């Protein structure tokens, strides 16, 4: 067993007890995207046209889908 193999095994056997920043960021951006998708409909408009409503609907679907995806990433087990 070489020194590199020994270091690799000890690094794998150590358990990380800190905050998983990737999952925390995924949860933050997931919530932010879901709120942005809902918030688009709360903001008042002067005169909504059919094409504007269709565009808002499409962007909302994409934002909420991405937000749910990020939230699912944050819930996965290590």
N, C-alpha and C. Protein backbone atom coordinates (compact mmCIF):
# COMPACT_ATOMS: atom_id res chain seq x y z
N UNK A 1 0.85 -1.18 0.00
CA UNK A 1 0.00 0.00 0.00
C UNK A 1 0.89 1.24 0.00
N UNK A 2 0.64 2.09 -0.94
CA UNK A 2 1.45 3.30 -1.04
C UNK A 2 0.86 4.41 -0.15
N UNK A 3 1.58 5.49 -0.04
CA UNK A 3 1.12 6.61 0.78
C UNK A 3 -0.11 7.26 0.16
N UNK A 4 -0.17 7.24 -1.17
CA UNK A 4 -1.33 7.84 -1.83
C UNK A 4 -2.59 7.03 -1.54
N UNK A 5 -2.47 5.69 -1.59
CA UNK A 5 -3.62 4.85 -1.28
C UNK A 5 -4.06 5.04 0.16
N UNK A 6 -3.10 5.15 1.07
CA UNK A 6 -3.44 5.33 2.48
C UNK A 6 -4.17 6.66 2.71
N UNK A 7 -3.70 7.73 2.08
CA UNK A 7 -4.35 9.03 2.22
C UNK A 7 -5.75 9.01 1.62
N UNK A 8 -5.90 8.29 0.50
CA UNK A 8 -7.21 8.22 -0.14
C UNK A 8 -8.20 7.48 0.75
N UNK A 9 -7.78 6.41 1.38
CA UNK A 9 -8.67 5.64 2.25
C UNK A 9 -9.05 6.44 3.49
N UNK A 10 -8.09 7.15 4.07
CA UNK A 10 -8.43 7.92 5.26
C UNK A 10 -9.34 9.09 4.91
N UNK A 11 -9.17 9.67 3.73
CA UNK A 11 -10.05 10.76 3.32
C UNK A 11 -11.47 10.26 3.09
N UNK A 12 -11.60 9.04 2.58
CA UNK A 12 -12.94 8.48 2.36
C UNK A 12 -13.59 8.06 3.66
N UNK A 13 -12.79 7.61 4.63
CA UNK A 13 -13.38 7.12 5.87
C UNK A 13 -13.80 8.24 6.81
N UNK A 14 -13.28 9.46 6.61
CA UNK A 14 -13.69 10.59 7.44
C UNK A 14 -15.11 11.01 7.09
N UNK A 15 -15.89 11.25 8.11
CA UNK A 15 -17.26 11.68 7.87
C UNK A 15 -17.33 13.19 7.99
N UNK A 16 -17.93 13.82 7.02
CA UNK A 16 -18.04 15.27 7.01
C UNK A 16 -19.29 15.65 7.76
N UNK A 17 -19.14 16.42 8.82
CA UNK A 17 -20.29 16.76 9.65
C UNK A 17 -20.74 18.21 9.46
N UNK A 18 -20.11 18.93 8.55
CA UNK A 18 -20.46 20.34 8.34
C UNK A 18 -21.66 20.50 7.43
N UNK A 19 -21.92 21.73 7.07
CA UNK A 19 -23.04 22.06 6.20
C UNK A 19 -22.67 21.72 4.76
N UNK A 20 -23.58 21.07 4.07
CA UNK A 20 -23.36 20.78 2.66
C UNK A 20 -23.81 22.01 1.88
N UNK A 21 -22.84 22.81 1.44
CA UNK A 21 -23.16 24.10 0.83
C UNK A 21 -23.84 23.96 -0.51
N UNK A 22 -23.57 22.89 -1.22
CA UNK A 22 -24.23 22.69 -2.52
C UNK A 22 -25.73 22.47 -2.32
N UNK A 23 -26.08 21.66 -1.34
CA UNK A 23 -27.49 21.43 -1.07
C UNK A 23 -28.17 22.67 -0.51
N UNK A 24 -27.46 23.42 0.32
CA UNK A 24 -28.04 24.64 0.87
C UNK A 24 -28.29 25.66 -0.24
N UNK A 25 -27.36 25.79 -1.17
CA UNK A 25 -27.55 26.72 -2.30
C UNK A 25 -28.67 26.23 -3.21
N UNK A 26 -28.75 24.93 -3.42
CA UNK A 26 -29.83 24.38 -4.26
C UNK A 26 -31.19 24.67 -3.63
N UNK A 27 -31.29 24.52 -2.31
CA UNK A 27 -32.56 24.82 -1.64
C UNK A 27 -32.90 26.30 -1.74
N UNK A 28 -31.89 27.17 -1.55
CA UNK A 28 -32.12 28.61 -1.63
C UNK A 28 -32.59 29.01 -3.03
N UNK A 29 -31.90 28.54 -4.07
CA UNK A 29 -32.28 28.90 -5.43
C UNK A 29 -33.60 28.25 -5.83
N UNK A 30 -33.90 27.07 -5.31
CA UNK A 30 -35.19 26.44 -5.59
C UNK A 30 -36.35 27.25 -5.05
N UNK A 31 -36.21 27.71 -3.80
CA UNK A 31 -37.26 28.54 -3.22
C UNK A 31 -37.36 29.87 -3.96
N UNK A 32 -36.20 30.46 -4.30
CA UNK A 32 -36.21 31.74 -5.00
C UNK A 32 -36.88 31.63 -6.37
N UNK A 33 -36.61 30.55 -7.10
CA UNK A 33 -37.23 30.38 -8.41
C UNK A 33 -38.74 30.16 -8.30
N UNK A 34 -39.16 29.38 -7.32
CA UNK A 34 -40.60 29.16 -7.14
C UNK A 34 -41.31 30.46 -6.78
N UNK A 35 -40.70 31.25 -5.89
CA UNK A 35 -41.31 32.52 -5.52
C UNK A 35 -41.32 33.51 -6.68
N UNK A 36 -40.28 33.48 -7.51
CA UNK A 36 -40.24 34.37 -8.68
C UNK A 36 -41.33 33.99 -9.68
N UNK A 37 -41.56 32.70 -9.85
CA UNK A 37 -42.62 32.26 -10.76
C UNK A 37 -43.99 32.68 -10.29
N UNK A 38 -44.23 32.62 -9.00
CA UNK A 38 -45.51 33.06 -8.45
C UNK A 38 -45.59 34.58 -8.45
N UNK A 39 -44.49 35.25 -8.16
CA UNK A 39 -44.47 36.70 -8.07
C UNK A 39 -44.75 37.41 -9.38
N UNK A 40 -44.48 36.73 -10.49
CA UNK A 40 -44.77 37.35 -11.79
C UNK A 40 -46.26 37.64 -11.95
N UNK A 41 -47.10 36.84 -11.32
CA UNK A 41 -48.53 37.02 -11.46
C UNK A 41 -49.09 38.01 -10.45
N UNK A 42 -48.33 38.29 -9.39
CA UNK A 42 -48.80 39.22 -8.36
C UNK A 42 -48.57 40.67 -8.79
N UNK A 43 -47.50 40.91 -9.53
CA UNK A 43 -47.17 42.27 -9.95
C UNK A 43 -48.23 42.77 -10.94
N UNK A 44 -48.82 43.93 -10.68
CA UNK A 44 -49.87 44.43 -11.59
C UNK A 44 -49.29 44.92 -12.92
N UNK A 45 -50.11 44.82 -13.95
CA UNK A 45 -49.73 45.30 -15.28
C UNK A 45 -50.76 46.31 -15.76
N UNK A 46 -50.33 47.16 -16.66
CA UNK A 46 -51.24 48.19 -17.18
C UNK A 46 -52.28 47.55 -18.09
N UNK A 47 -51.82 46.87 -19.12
CA UNK A 47 -52.75 46.26 -20.08
C UNK A 47 -52.16 44.94 -20.57
N UNK A 48 -52.52 43.84 -19.93
CA UNK A 48 -51.96 42.55 -20.36
C UNK A 48 -52.58 42.08 -21.67
N UNK A 49 -51.73 41.78 -22.62
CA UNK A 49 -52.22 41.24 -23.89
C UNK A 49 -52.12 39.72 -23.85
N UNK A 50 -52.68 39.08 -24.85
CA UNK A 50 -52.67 37.62 -24.90
C UNK A 50 -51.24 37.08 -25.03
N UNK A 51 -50.42 37.74 -25.84
CA UNK A 51 -49.04 37.26 -26.01
C UNK A 51 -48.22 37.45 -24.73
N UNK A 52 -48.49 38.54 -24.00
CA UNK A 52 -47.78 38.75 -22.73
C UNK A 52 -48.18 37.70 -21.70
N UNK A 53 -49.45 37.37 -21.65
CA UNK A 53 -49.90 36.35 -20.70
C UNK A 53 -49.34 34.98 -21.05
N UNK A 54 -49.28 34.67 -22.33
CA UNK A 54 -48.71 33.40 -22.76
C UNK A 54 -47.23 33.32 -22.43
N UNK A 55 -46.50 34.43 -22.62
CA UNK A 55 -45.08 34.47 -22.28
C UNK A 55 -44.88 34.32 -20.78
N UNK A 56 -45.70 35.01 -19.98
CA UNK A 56 -45.60 34.90 -18.53
C UNK A 56 -45.89 33.48 -18.08
N UNK A 57 -46.87 32.84 -18.71
CA UNK A 57 -47.19 31.46 -18.35
C UNK A 57 -46.02 30.54 -18.64
N UNK A 58 -45.41 30.70 -19.81
CA UNK A 58 -44.26 29.86 -20.16
C UNK A 58 -43.08 30.06 -19.22
N UNK A 59 -42.77 31.31 -18.90
CA UNK A 59 -41.67 31.59 -17.98
C UNK A 59 -41.99 31.05 -16.58
N UNK A 60 -43.24 31.16 -16.17
CA UNK A 60 -43.63 30.65 -14.86
C UNK A 60 -43.47 29.14 -14.79
N UNK A 61 -43.86 28.44 -15.83
CA UNK A 61 -43.72 26.98 -15.85
C UNK A 61 -42.25 26.60 -15.77
N UNK A 62 -41.40 27.28 -16.51
CA UNK A 62 -39.97 26.98 -16.48
C UNK A 62 -39.37 27.27 -15.11
N UNK A 63 -39.71 28.43 -14.52
CA UNK A 63 -39.17 28.80 -13.22
C UNK A 63 -39.61 27.84 -12.13
N UNK A 64 -40.88 27.50 -12.11
CA UNK A 64 -41.37 26.59 -11.06
C UNK A 64 -40.81 25.19 -11.26
N UNK A 65 -40.69 24.74 -12.49
CA UNK A 65 -40.09 23.42 -12.74
C UNK A 65 -38.63 23.38 -12.30
N UNK A 66 -37.88 24.42 -12.63
CA UNK A 66 -36.48 24.48 -12.20
C UNK A 66 -36.39 24.58 -10.69
N UNK A 67 -37.27 25.35 -10.07
CA UNK A 67 -37.26 25.47 -8.61
C UNK A 67 -37.55 24.15 -7.93
N UNK A 68 -38.52 23.42 -8.43
CA UNK A 68 -38.83 22.10 -7.86
C UNK A 68 -37.65 21.15 -8.06
N UNK A 69 -37.00 21.24 -9.23
CA UNK A 69 -35.81 20.42 -9.46
C UNK A 69 -34.71 20.71 -8.48
N UNK A 70 -34.46 22.01 -8.22
CA UNK A 70 -33.44 22.38 -7.23
C UNK A 70 -33.82 21.88 -5.85
N UNK A 71 -35.10 21.98 -5.48
CA UNK A 71 -35.52 21.52 -4.18
C UNK A 71 -35.37 20.00 -4.05
N UNK A 72 -35.60 19.27 -5.13
CA UNK A 72 -35.39 17.82 -5.10
C UNK A 72 -33.92 17.47 -4.98
N UNK A 73 -33.05 18.26 -5.61
CA UNK A 73 -31.61 18.05 -5.45
C UNK A 73 -31.21 18.26 -3.99
N UNK A 74 -31.79 19.26 -3.36
CA UNK A 74 -31.45 19.56 -1.96
C UNK A 74 -31.91 18.47 -1.02
N UNK A 75 -32.91 17.69 -1.39
CA UNK A 75 -33.45 16.64 -0.50
C UNK A 75 -32.77 15.30 -0.66
N UNK A 76 -31.86 15.13 -1.60
CA UNK A 76 -31.26 13.82 -1.82
C UNK A 76 -30.34 13.45 -0.67
N UNK A 77 -30.19 12.17 -0.46
CA UNK A 77 -29.28 11.65 0.56
C UNK A 77 -27.85 11.64 0.04
N UNK A 78 -26.91 11.74 0.94
CA UNK A 78 -25.51 11.72 0.54
C UNK A 78 -25.03 10.36 0.14
